[in-house]
Amino acid sequence: MEIVRSRLIPASLLRAASTGAFQLKEPLNYRHGSRLQPCAGDGDRRTEQIHEPASGRVICDFICSGRQEIDLAVQSAKEAYTTWSRLSGLERSRVLLEAARLIREQKEDIAIVESINTGKPITESRIDVDTAWQAVEYYAGVAGTLAGQHIQLSGGSFAYTRREPLGVCVGIGAWNYPFQIACWKSAPALACGNAMVFKPSPLTPLTAVMLAEIYSQAGAPKGLFNVVQGSVETGNLLCASKGVAKISFTGSVPTGIKIMEAAAKTVKHLTLELGGKSPLVIFSDCDLENAVRGAMLANFLSQGEVCSNGTRVFVQKDILSQFLEKVVARTKGIKLGDPLHKDTQMGALISKPHLDRVLSYVEQAKVQGATVLCGGDVFVPDDPKLQDGYFMKPCVLGDCRDEMTCVAEEIFGPVMSVLPFDTEEEVVQRANNTELGLAAGVFTRDLTRAHRLAAALEVGTCFINNYNVTPIEMPFGGYKMSGFGKENGIAAIEYYTQLKSVYVEMGDPECPF
């Protein structure tokens, strides 16, 4: 099997497949176009170890950003904002277009580091990088189109609106799509004239620094996109900073609630993209092969670690046995192994604690009466370098019921729960019976039914006859406890700008006094 290698990436950031060596000794914070060194006298000197999911090895350490680092990062972002926000949209567009070009140029390097850090297959990481540069390029095109509205009033007076940036925005990323999320948040923010301080997940801190270097190389002002590293404490400092105007967070519901509480104290703008337990509804009139493909896409991309995954698979009873036969056979055929092998289809879960958590859901499902139709246990690769990795055989659960924990709670791993249903009315009610509402999917040849369900399902995104397709032009975000605000598409502009109204009197004011 061929192992993908890179010639351009710095040696400090590349695992040599033959030796397993992967070292990074430089600080991972990024400010003013250079590495942000720890501040002397700062009390928070806690370090975090970063593990390679595929091998279990420690690949680097980083020092958590404390109060002084956060203050420096926000202050430098404010300084950059004063320059950047005064540029025309076309001037900002040129920088973003160059950044998109650099991402394309460095695509293979970024994808390799992403796979090393997340455990996902290199084939998926390449797609993630493509969606990232597409986001930057898309918002480069949007930057020059931002405009307000002219409103004609009586007597020749008029009003107009100005769409203005917010200031310093904070992006807090999740560990499943670190580079993509950093671009999805930074591209619209910068296009609108804002600056950004970005905190990646402490589990996947590497590629955000590569993005910061790319923005710097593209000509962004120093401090426009800063990266700080850390966990809960660092996030709390960012949320509490009075210099921050907006927080955009991707992650779990409990953390999102805490961020919302912290932001309320200084009335910060918020975008929250939180968890999901999405339904995938498969009707008997569907193209069954396509429905099976959709179920695989809805459950097993990135080892099942995708917030929008359709993990509650509702299948109409008269095709249930056929569906299960096909989906189990296809799941058993998934090739697990080294994420850098070009033919690997599923890599390793993000961490040992997360692997244990996902496995515990499978054990609990069995206790509650579900049947494990395939997978659901640890996978040990033949390669001795990978035998301490966090691999799991993808799992399909049959005989599931709505009240089971595996059906009700987000597992965030390669576990598909299959449930039978009879009627359209019944499945809509069951699909909506959750506090979450991120996404849903429908497979049917009946176009009227498809649109009827798209309207009835209480979710932010509904896929018809496909799943987990997220083009940058299409807004993405949740309903209910899956969050609010939108990323991607023109809709994201609403969440990175504020609207100012200006009234212009062309005559004499009327005054009753």
Protein backbone atom coordinates (compact mmCIF):
# COMPACT_ATOMS: atom_id res chain seq x y z
CA MET A 1 0.00 0.00 0.00
CA GLU A 2 1.33 3.40 -0.97
CA ILE A 3 1.83 5.93 1.81
CA VAL A 4 1.17 9.55 0.93
CA ARG A 5 4.17 11.78 1.63
CA SER A 6 4.84 15.50 1.39
CA ARG A 7 8.02 17.22 0.25
CA LEU A 8 7.04 20.78 1.10
CA ILE A 9 5.82 20.58 4.68
CA PRO A 10 8.40 21.46 7.37
CA ALA A 11 10.08 18.39 8.79
CA SER A 12 8.88 19.39 12.26
CA LEU A 13 5.29 18.93 11.13
CA LEU A 14 5.46 15.64 9.21
CA ARG A 15 5.36 12.12 10.56
CA ALA A 16 7.77 9.94 8.58
CA ALA A 17 5.73 6.80 8.00
CA SER A 18 8.74 4.52 8.38
CA THR A 19 9.79 5.79 11.81
CA GLY A 20 6.65 7.32 13.29
CA ALA A 21 8.63 10.47 14.13
CA PHE A 22 6.50 13.58 14.45
CA GLN A 23 7.79 16.41 16.60
CA LEU A 24 6.79 20.02 17.08
CA LYS A 25 8.72 22.00 19.64
CA GLU A 26 7.77 25.57 18.69
CA PRO A 27 4.94 27.38 20.49
CA LEU A 28 1.67 26.91 18.63
CA ASN A 29 0.20 30.35 19.36
CA TYR A 30 0.34 32.80 16.47
CA ARG A 31 0.34 36.59 16.59
CA HIS A 32 1.73 39.50 14.56
CA GLY A 33 2.90 37.20 11.81
CA SER A 34 5.13 35.21 14.15
CA ARG A 35 4.87 32.65 16.93
CA LEU A 36 3.39 34.07 20.11
CA GLN A 37 5.79 33.28 22.92
CA PRO A 38 4.47 32.70 26.47
CA CYS A 39 4.39 35.88 28.52
CA ALA A 40 6.77 36.14 31.44
CA GLY A 41 5.04 36.22 34.79
CA ASP A 42 1.79 34.73 33.56
CA GLY A 43 0.54 32.25 36.13
CA ASP A 44 -1.15 29.83 33.71
CA ARG A 45 1.69 27.67 32.45
CA ARG A 46 -0.24 24.43 32.00
CA THR A 47 0.78 22.32 29.02
CA GLU A 48 -1.27 19.92 26.92
CA GLN A 49 -0.04 16.82 25.11
CA ILE A 50 -1.29 16.15 21.61
CA HIS A 51 -1.66 12.52 20.58
CA GLU A 52 -1.71 10.99 17.12
CA PRO A 53 -4.98 9.02 17.09
CA ALA A 54 -3.68 6.38 14.68
CA SER A 55 -0.69 5.43 16.84
CA GLY A 56 -1.40 6.79 20.32
CA ARG A 57 1.98 8.55 20.30
CA VAL A 58 2.50 12.04 21.68
CA ILE A 59 3.23 14.25 18.68
CA CYS A 60 3.69 17.60 20.41
CA ASP A 61 3.08 19.69 23.52
CA PHE A 62 1.70 23.20 23.71
CA ILE A 63 1.46 25.77 26.47
CA CYS A 64 -2.05 26.98 27.22
CA SER A 65 -2.65 30.67 26.57
CA GLY A 66 -3.21 32.59 29.78
CA ARG A 67 -4.64 36.01 30.49
CA GLN A 68 -1.68 37.95 29.15
CA GLU A 69 -1.59 36.00 25.88
CA ILE A 70 -5.31 36.52 25.41
CA ASP A 71 -5.01 40.24 26.12
CA LEU A 72 -2.14 40.53 23.63
CA ALA A 73 -4.00 38.58 20.96
CA VAL A 74 -7.19 40.66 21.34
CA GLN A 75 -5.26 43.93 21.43
CA SER A 76 -3.29 43.12 18.28
CA ALA A 77 -6.54 42.08 16.59
CA LYS A 78 -8.10 45.43 17.54
CA GLU A 79 -5.14 47.25 16.02
CA ALA A 80 -5.45 45.25 12.81
CA TYR A 81 -9.20 45.86 12.76
CA THR A 82 -8.77 49.64 12.62
CA THR A 83 -6.83 49.25 9.37
CA TRP A 84 -8.68 46.32 7.84
CA SER A 85 -12.20 47.66 8.44
CA ARG A 86 -11.38 50.85 6.52
CA LEU A 87 -10.35 49.02 3.39
CA SER A 88 -12.78 48.67 0.53
CA GLY A 89 -14.40 45.31 -0.01
CA LEU A 90 -12.35 44.91 -3.17
CA GLU A 91 -9.11 45.46 -1.26
CA ARG A 92 -10.06 42.86 1.33
CA SER A 93 -11.09 40.54 -1.50
CA ARG A 94 -7.57 40.58 -2.97
CA VAL A 95 -6.06 39.32 0.28
CA LEU A 96 -8.66 36.58 0.64
CA LEU A 97 -8.19 35.45 -2.94
CA GLU A 98 -4.46 35.16 -2.36
CA ALA A 99 -5.10 33.19 0.84
CA ALA A 100 -7.36 30.81 -1.11
CA ARG A 101 -4.64 30.36 -3.71
CA LEU A 102 -2.06 29.57 -1.03
CA ILE A 103 -4.36 27.00 0.58
CA ARG A 104 -4.77 25.29 -2.80
CA GLU A 105 -1.02 25.38 -3.29
CA GLN A 106 -0.39 23.83 0.14
CA LYS A 107 -3.36 21.48 0.03
CA GLU A 108 -1.38 18.25 0.36
CA ASP A 109 0.70 19.54 3.27
CA ILE A 110 -2.38 20.73 5.16
CA ALA A 111 -4.26 17.49 4.48
CA ILE A 112 -1.40 15.33 5.78
CA VAL A 113 -1.13 17.29 9.03
CA GLU A 114 -4.93 17.22 9.37
CA SER A 115 -5.00 13.43 9.02
CA ILE A 116 -2.13 12.98 11.47
CA ASN A 117 -3.85 15.21 14.02
CA THR A 118 -7.46 14.01 13.62
CA GLY A 119 -7.05 10.38 12.59
CA LYS A 120 -9.32 10.76 9.54
CA PRO A 121 -8.33 9.31 6.14
CA ILE A 122 -6.19 11.47 3.86
CA THR A 123 -8.87 11.23 1.16
CA GLU A 124 -11.33 12.99 3.47
CA SER A 125 -8.78 15.57 4.63
CA ARG A 126 -8.15 16.59 1.03
CA ILE A 127 -11.88 17.20 0.57
CA ASP A 128 -11.95 19.20 3.82
CA VAL A 129 -9.13 21.43 2.56
CA ASP A 130 -10.99 21.93 -0.71
CA THR A 131 -14.10 23.08 1.13
CA ALA A 132 -11.87 25.39 3.18
CA TRP A 133 -10.28 27.26 0.27
CA GLN A 134 -13.68 27.38 -1.45
CA ALA A 135 -15.04 29.19 1.61
CA VAL A 136 -12.23 31.75 1.53
CA GLU A 137 -12.65 32.25 -2.23
CA TYR A 138 -16.45 32.51 -1.93
CA TYR A 139 -16.29 35.25 0.69
CA ALA A 140 -13.59 37.03 -1.28
CA GLY A 141 -16.28 37.41 -3.93
CA VAL A 142 -18.84 38.55 -1.37
CA ALA A 143 -16.56 41.19 0.20
CA GLY A 144 -16.98 43.67 -2.65
CA THR A 145 -20.77 43.33 -2.73
CA LEU A 146 -21.56 44.38 0.85
CA ALA A 147 -23.95 47.32 0.74
CA GLY A 148 -26.78 49.02 2.54
CA GLN A 149 -30.15 50.31 1.36
CA HIS A 150 -31.41 53.74 0.24
CA ILE A 151 -34.91 54.65 1.47
CA GLN A 152 -36.73 57.60 -0.12
CA LEU A 153 -38.90 59.60 2.32
CA SER A 154 -41.34 62.53 1.98
CA GLY A 155 -40.20 66.05 1.23
CA GLY A 156 -36.97 64.89 -0.37
CA SER A 157 -35.60 63.51 2.90
CA PHE A 158 -34.16 60.04 2.83
CA ALA A 159 -32.57 57.36 4.94
CA TYR A 160 -29.89 54.83 4.24
CA THR A 161 -28.38 51.87 6.00
CA ARG A 162 -24.75 50.94 6.48
CA ARG A 163 -23.62 47.34 6.95
CA GLU A 164 -20.69 47.64 9.34
CA PRO A 165 -18.31 45.08 10.87
CA LEU A 166 -18.58 44.09 14.52
CA GLY A 167 -14.94 44.37 15.57
CA VAL A 168 -12.87 41.56 17.05
CA CYS A 169 -14.58 38.19 16.64
CA VAL A 170 -13.63 35.01 18.44
CA GLY A 171 -13.80 31.66 16.70
CA ILE A 172 -13.76 28.50 18.84
CA GLY A 173 -13.35 25.35 16.79
CA ALA A 174 -14.15 21.68 17.22
CA TRP A 175 -11.69 18.82 16.78
CA ASN A 176 -13.40 16.95 13.94
CA TYR A 177 -12.86 19.52 11.15
CA PRO A 178 -10.17 21.85 12.50
CA PHE A 179 -8.95 23.48 9.27
CA GLN A 180 -12.35 23.63 7.60
CA ILE A 181 -13.99 25.19 10.66
CA ALA A 182 -11.21 27.78 10.98
CA CYS A 183 -11.87 28.83 7.37
CA TRP A 184 -15.65 28.70 7.66
CA LYS A 185 -15.46 31.13 10.58
CA SER A 186 -12.62 33.39 9.51
CA ALA A 187 -13.54 33.88 5.84
CA PRO A 188 -16.90 35.64 6.35
CA ALA A 189 -15.57 37.47 9.40
CA LEU A 190 -12.61 38.92 7.50
CA ALA A 191 -14.66 39.60 4.35
CA CYS A 192 -16.97 41.81 6.43
CA GLY A 193 -14.05 43.80 7.84
CA ASN A 194 -13.66 42.11 11.23
CA ALA A 195 -10.54 40.69 12.87
CA MET A 196 -10.51 37.24 14.49
CA VAL A 197 -8.87 35.47 17.41
CA PHE A 198 -9.23 31.74 16.86
CA LYS A 199 -8.93 29.00 19.45
CA PRO A 200 -8.77 25.50 17.98
CA SER A 201 -9.66 22.45 20.01
CA PRO A 202 -6.82 21.40 22.33
CA LEU A 203 -6.98 18.00 20.64
CA THR A 204 -6.33 19.36 17.13
CA PRO A 205 -4.28 22.57 17.38
CA LEU A 206 -1.96 22.24 14.37
CA THR A 207 -3.60 23.33 11.13
CA ALA A 208 -5.09 26.56 12.52
CA VAL A 209 -1.50 27.80 12.88
CA MET A 210 -0.88 26.89 9.24
CA LEU A 211 -3.93 28.98 8.28
CA ALA A 212 -2.63 31.94 10.29
CA GLU A 213 0.66 31.75 8.41
CA ILE A 214 -1.22 31.63 5.10
CA TYR A 215 -3.23 34.76 5.93
CA SER A 216 0.00 36.52 6.85
CA GLN A 217 1.65 35.44 3.60
CA ALA A 218 -1.43 36.63 1.68
CA GLY A 219 -0.93 40.18 2.95
CA ALA A 220 -3.34 40.42 5.89
CA PRO A 221 -2.38 43.08 8.45
CA LYS A 222 -0.40 41.82 11.42
CA GLY A 223 -2.76 40.55 14.10
CA LEU A 224 -5.79 40.20 11.84
CA PHE A 225 -6.06 36.44 12.45
CA ASN A 226 -4.50 35.29 15.71
CA VAL A 227 -4.39 31.75 17.06
CA VAL A 228 -4.36 31.02 20.79
CA GLN A 229 -4.15 27.56 22.31
CA GLY A 230 -5.79 26.05 25.33
CA SER A 231 -8.82 24.36 26.80
CA VAL A 232 -11.65 25.53 29.06
CA GLU A 233 -9.69 28.22 30.89
CA THR A 234 -8.48 29.82 27.67
CA GLY A 235 -12.00 29.75 26.22
CA ASN A 236 -13.37 31.39 29.36
CA LEU A 237 -10.83 34.21 29.06
CA LEU A 238 -11.82 34.82 25.45
CA CYS A 239 -15.53 34.87 26.29
CA ALA A 240 -14.95 37.31 29.14
CA SER A 241 -12.73 39.71 27.18
CA LYS A 242 -14.30 43.15 26.86
CA GLY A 243 -12.45 43.65 23.59
CA VAL A 244 -14.39 40.86 21.89
CA ALA A 245 -17.60 41.72 20.00
CA LYS A 246 -18.71 38.27 18.84
CA ILE A 247 -18.15 34.58 19.55
CA SER A 248 -18.71 31.85 16.98
CA PHE A 249 -18.55 28.41 18.58
CA THR A 250 -18.76 24.89 17.19
CA GLY A 251 -19.00 22.09 19.74
CA SER A 252 -21.17 20.41 22.33
CA VAL A 253 -24.48 21.64 23.73
CA PRO A 254 -23.24 21.89 27.37
CA THR A 255 -20.25 24.00 26.33
CA GLY A 256 -22.45 26.14 24.10
CA ILE A 257 -24.74 26.88 27.03
CA LYS A 258 -21.77 28.01 29.12
CA ILE A 259 -20.51 30.24 26.32
CA MET A 260 -23.97 31.76 25.95
CA GLU A 261 -24.05 32.52 29.68
CA ALA A 262 -20.59 34.12 29.55
CA ALA A 263 -21.41 36.18 26.46
CA ALA A 264 -24.59 37.51 28.07
CA LYS A 265 -22.56 39.40 30.68
CA THR A 266 -21.20 41.76 28.02
CA VAL A 267 -23.98 41.24 25.42
CA LYS A 268 -21.74 39.73 22.76
CA HIS A 269 -23.05 38.58 19.39
CA LEU A 270 -23.21 34.78 19.13
CA THR A 271 -23.27 31.99 16.59
CA LEU A 272 -23.62 28.53 18.12
CA GLU A 273 -23.31 25.37 16.02
CA LEU A 274 -23.92 22.61 18.54
CA GLY A 275 -24.71 18.90 18.60
CA GLY A 276 -27.20 16.82 16.70
CA LYS A 277 -29.04 13.52 16.75
CA SER A 278 -30.32 13.74 13.25
CA PRO A 279 -32.96 11.51 11.64
CA LEU A 280 -32.52 9.87 8.25
CA VAL A 281 -35.89 8.72 6.88
CA ILE A 282 -35.90 6.02 4.18
CA PHE A 283 -39.22 5.27 2.45
CA SER A 284 -39.98 2.04 0.64
CA ASP A 285 -40.28 3.82 -2.71
CA CYS A 286 -36.66 5.01 -2.56
CA ASP A 287 -33.78 3.91 -4.76
CA LEU A 288 -32.47 1.40 -2.23
CA GLU A 289 -28.85 1.48 -3.38
CA ASN A 290 -28.82 5.26 -3.06
CA ALA A 291 -30.45 5.04 0.37
CA VAL A 292 -27.73 2.68 1.55
CA ARG A 293 -25.08 5.06 0.22
CA GLY A 294 -26.82 7.91 2.03
CA ALA A 295 -26.91 5.98 5.30
CA MET A 296 -23.18 5.28 5.01
CA LEU A 297 -22.46 8.96 4.36
CA ALA A 298 -24.73 9.89 7.26
CA ASN A 299 -22.90 7.70 9.77
CA PHE A 300 -19.33 6.82 8.87
CA LEU A 301 -17.56 9.89 7.49
CA SER A 302 -14.70 10.94 9.77
CA GLN A 303 -15.21 7.83 11.93
CA GLY A 304 -18.75 9.00 12.64
CA GLU A 305 -17.44 12.12 14.37
CA VAL A 306 -19.71 14.57 12.53
CA CYS A 307 -22.27 16.77 14.27
CA SER A 308 -24.85 16.55 11.49
CA ASN A 309 -24.72 12.75 11.16
CA GLY A 310 -28.04 10.99 10.56
CA THR A 311 -27.53 8.37 13.24
CA ARG A 312 -31.25 7.64 13.73
CA VAL A 313 -32.00 5.73 10.54
CA PHE A 314 -35.76 5.22 10.15
CA VAL A 315 -36.54 2.58 7.52
CA GLN A 316 -40.06 1.75 6.32
CA LYS A 317 -40.87 -1.80 7.44
CA ASP A 318 -41.44 -3.42 4.08
CA ILE A 319 -37.83 -2.76 2.98
CA LEU A 320 -36.15 -3.09 6.39
CA SER A 321 -34.65 -6.54 5.86
CA GLN A 322 -33.30 -5.64 2.41
CA PHE A 323 -31.83 -2.41 3.73
CA LEU A 324 -30.14 -4.11 6.69
CA GLU A 325 -28.64 -6.82 4.49
CA LYS A 326 -27.10 -4.28 2.14
CA VAL A 327 -25.95 -1.76 4.77
CA VAL A 328 -24.35 -4.43 6.97
CA ALA A 329 -22.47 -5.92 4.01
CA ARG A 330 -21.22 -2.50 2.99
CA THR A 331 -20.23 -1.61 6.55
CA LYS A 332 -18.26 -4.83 6.95
CA GLY A 333 -16.33 -3.90 3.82
CA ILE A 334 -15.06 -0.56 5.16
CA LYS A 335 -11.25 -0.61 5.16
CA LEU A 336 -9.71 0.61 8.42
CA GLY A 337 -6.06 1.49 8.86
CA ASP A 338 -3.35 4.13 8.56
CA PRO A 339 -5.00 7.48 7.70
CA LEU A 340 -2.11 8.23 5.32
CA HIS A 341 -2.74 5.14 3.20
CA LYS A 342 -4.58 6.20 0.07
CA ASP A 343 -7.00 3.24 0.26
CA THR A 344 -7.96 3.67 3.93
CA GLN A 345 -11.68 4.43 4.28
CA MET A 346 -11.85 4.89 8.06
CA GLY A 347 -9.15 6.02 10.44
CA ALA A 348 -8.91 6.30 14.22
CA LEU A 349 -11.19 8.05 16.70
CA ILE A 350 -9.84 11.23 18.20
CA SER A 351 -8.71 9.95 21.63
CA LYS A 352 -8.67 6.94 23.93
CA PRO A 353 -11.30 8.40 26.30
CA HIS A 354 -13.57 9.12 23.34
CA LEU A 355 -13.10 5.60 21.96
CA ASP A 356 -14.03 4.16 25.36
CA ARG A 357 -17.10 6.39 25.49
CA VAL A 358 -18.34 5.27 22.07
CA LEU A 359 -17.75 1.60 22.91
CA SER A 360 -19.70 2.05 26.14
CA TYR A 361 -22.73 3.22 24.13
CA VAL A 362 -22.63 -0.03 22.14
CA GLU A 363 -22.47 -2.10 25.34
CA GLN A 364 -25.36 -0.14 26.82
CA ALA A 365 -27.38 -0.64 23.63
CA LYS A 366 -26.94 -4.41 23.91
CA VAL A 367 -28.12 -4.33 27.52
CA GLN A 368 -31.20 -2.36 26.45
CA GLY A 369 -32.10 -4.91 23.77
CA ALA A 370 -30.42 -3.71 20.57
CA THR A 371 -28.75 -6.25 18.30
CA VAL A 372 -25.20 -5.63 17.08
CA LEU A 373 -25.39 -6.59 13.42
CA CYS A 374 -21.72 -5.83 12.79
CA GLY A 375 -18.74 -4.11 14.40
CA GLY A 376 -18.95 -2.28 17.67
CA ASP A 377 -15.61 -3.45 19.09
CA VAL A 378 -11.95 -2.42 18.98
CA PHE A 379 -9.99 -2.87 15.76
CA VAL A 380 -6.26 -3.65 16.00
CA PRO A 381 -4.33 -3.00 12.76
CA ASP A 382 -1.66 -5.39 11.58
CA ASP A 383 0.90 -2.58 11.42
CA PRO A 384 2.78 -2.67 14.76
CA LYS A 385 3.15 1.14 14.71
CA LEU A 386 -0.66 1.46 14.85
CA GLN A 387 -1.53 -1.15 17.45
CA ASP A 388 -1.96 1.48 20.17
CA GLY A 389 -4.22 3.60 17.96
CA TYR A 390 -7.85 4.39 18.75
CA PHE A 391 -9.56 2.27 16.10
CA MET A 392 -13.10 0.90 16.23
CA LYS A 393 -15.00 -1.34 13.83
CA PRO A 394 -18.01 0.58 12.43
CA CYS A 395 -21.23 -0.65 13.99
CA VAL A 396 -24.82 -1.17 12.85
CA LEU A 397 -27.43 -1.65 15.57
CA GLY A 398 -30.76 -3.35 14.81
CA ASP A 399 -33.88 -3.84 16.95
CA CYS A 400 -33.58 -0.26 18.19
CA ARG A 401 -36.35 1.66 19.94
CA ASP A 402 -36.77 5.40 20.35
CA GLU A 403 -36.23 5.34 24.12
CA MET A 404 -32.85 3.59 23.96
CA THR A 405 -29.84 5.65 24.98
CA CYS A 406 -28.08 4.92 21.68
CA VAL A 407 -31.05 6.48 19.87
CA ALA A 408 -31.66 9.40 22.20
CA GLU A 409 -28.09 10.64 22.83
CA GLU A 410 -25.38 11.85 20.48
CA ILE A 411 -22.68 9.15 20.34
CA PHE A 412 -20.29 10.92 17.93
CA GLY A 413 -18.75 7.73 16.64
CA PRO A 414 -19.27 5.08 13.92
CA VAL A 415 -22.55 3.70 15.31
CA MET A 416 -25.72 3.54 13.18
CA SER A 417 -29.04 2.88 14.94
CA VAL A 418 -31.75 1.48 12.63
CA LEU A 419 -35.44 1.84 13.53
CA PRO A 420 -38.53 0.60 11.64
CA PHE A 421 -41.57 2.78 10.89
CA ASP A 422 -44.95 2.40 9.19
CA THR A 423 -46.36 5.76 8.12
CA GLU A 424 -45.18 9.23 7.17
CA GLU A 425 -47.12 10.89 9.99
CA GLU A 426 -45.63 8.52 12.54
CA VAL A 427 -42.02 8.99 11.42
CA VAL A 428 -42.27 12.79 11.38
CA GLN A 429 -43.49 12.78 14.97
CA ARG A 430 -40.72 10.42 16.07
CA ALA A 431 -38.03 12.25 14.13
CA ASN A 432 -38.97 15.56 15.78
CA ASN A 433 -39.10 14.04 19.27
CA THR A 434 -35.73 15.44 20.35
CA GLU A 435 -34.34 18.65 21.81
CA LEU A 436 -31.84 18.82 18.96
CA GLY A 437 -32.47 19.95 15.39
CA LEU A 438 -29.32 20.22 13.32
CA ALA A 439 -30.04 18.15 10.20
CA ALA A 440 -32.23 15.46 8.65
CA GLY A 441 -32.39 13.38 5.50
CA VAL A 442 -35.15 11.89 3.35
CA PHE A 443 -34.86 9.20 0.67
CA THR A 444 -37.91 8.82 -1.56
CA ARG A 445 -38.87 9.00 -5.23
CA ASP A 446 -42.04 10.94 -4.30
CA LEU A 447 -41.04 14.57 -4.81
CA THR A 448 -44.16 15.91 -3.09
CA ARG A 449 -43.49 13.77 -0.02
CA ALA A 450 -39.86 14.87 0.03
CA HIS A 451 -40.76 18.54 0.17
CA ARG A 452 -43.54 17.84 2.67
CA LEU A 453 -41.03 16.26 5.06
CA ALA A 454 -38.47 18.99 4.46
CA ALA A 455 -41.09 21.44 5.71
CA ALA A 456 -42.25 19.29 8.63
CA LEU A 457 -38.88 18.27 10.10
CA GLU A 458 -37.63 20.64 12.81
CA VAL A 459 -34.06 21.00 11.62
CA GLY A 460 -31.74 23.63 10.14
CA THR A 461 -30.73 21.54 7.11
CA CYS A 462 -32.66 18.81 5.28
CA PHE A 463 -31.00 16.62 2.66
CA ILE A 464 -33.19 14.97 0.00
CA ASN A 465 -31.79 11.80 -1.61
CA ASN A 466 -28.29 12.52 -0.32
CA TYR A 467 -26.64 13.31 3.01
CA ASN A 468 -23.84 15.41 4.56
CA VAL A 469 -23.38 17.52 1.45
CA THR A 470 -22.49 21.05 2.60
CA PRO A 471 -21.59 23.36 -0.31
CA ILE A 472 -20.25 26.70 0.84
CA GLU A 473 -23.13 28.50 -0.92
CA MET A 474 -25.72 26.82 1.35
CA PRO A 475 -26.32 28.17 4.89
CA PHE A 476 -25.67 25.71 7.71
CA GLY A 477 -26.93 25.88 11.28
CA GLY A 478 -29.37 24.33 13.71
CA TYR A 479 -32.79 24.62 15.27
CA LYS A 480 -33.68 24.14 18.95
CA MET A 481 -30.73 23.15 21.16
CA SER A 482 -28.53 22.57 18.13
CA GLY A 483 -27.86 26.30 18.24
CA PHE A 484 -28.62 29.43 16.25
CA GLY A 485 -26.98 31.60 13.65
CA LYS A 486 -25.79 30.47 10.24
CA GLU A 487 -22.46 29.64 8.73
CA ASN A 488 -21.82 29.63 4.96
CA GLY A 489 -23.79 31.29 2.21
CA ILE A 490 -24.83 34.93 2.13
CA ALA A 491 -26.73 34.31 5.39
CA ALA A 492 -23.45 34.28 7.34
CA ILE A 493 -22.94 37.96 6.51
CA GLU A 494 -25.87 38.80 8.80
CA TYR A 495 -23.96 37.31 11.72
CA TYR A 496 -20.67 39.13 11.13
CA THR A 497 -22.10 42.62 10.56
CA GLN A 498 -24.40 45.11 12.24
CA LEU A 499 -26.82 47.42 10.49
CA LYS A 500 -26.77 51.17 11.09
CA SER A 501 -29.65 53.41 9.98
CA VAL A 502 -28.97 57.03 8.96
CA TYR A 503 -31.78 59.59 8.57
CA VAL A 504 -31.12 62.68 6.41
CA GLU A 505 -33.46 65.68 6.72
CA MET A 506 -33.64 67.80 3.56
CA GLY A 507 -36.01 70.43 4.96
CA ASP A 508 -36.58 72.09 8.32
CA PRO A 509 -37.23 69.98 11.42
CA GLU A 510 -40.79 70.10 12.75
CA CYS A 511 -40.65 70.94 16.42
CA PRO A 512 -43.71 71.22 18.75
CA PHE A 513 -41.85 73.36 21.29
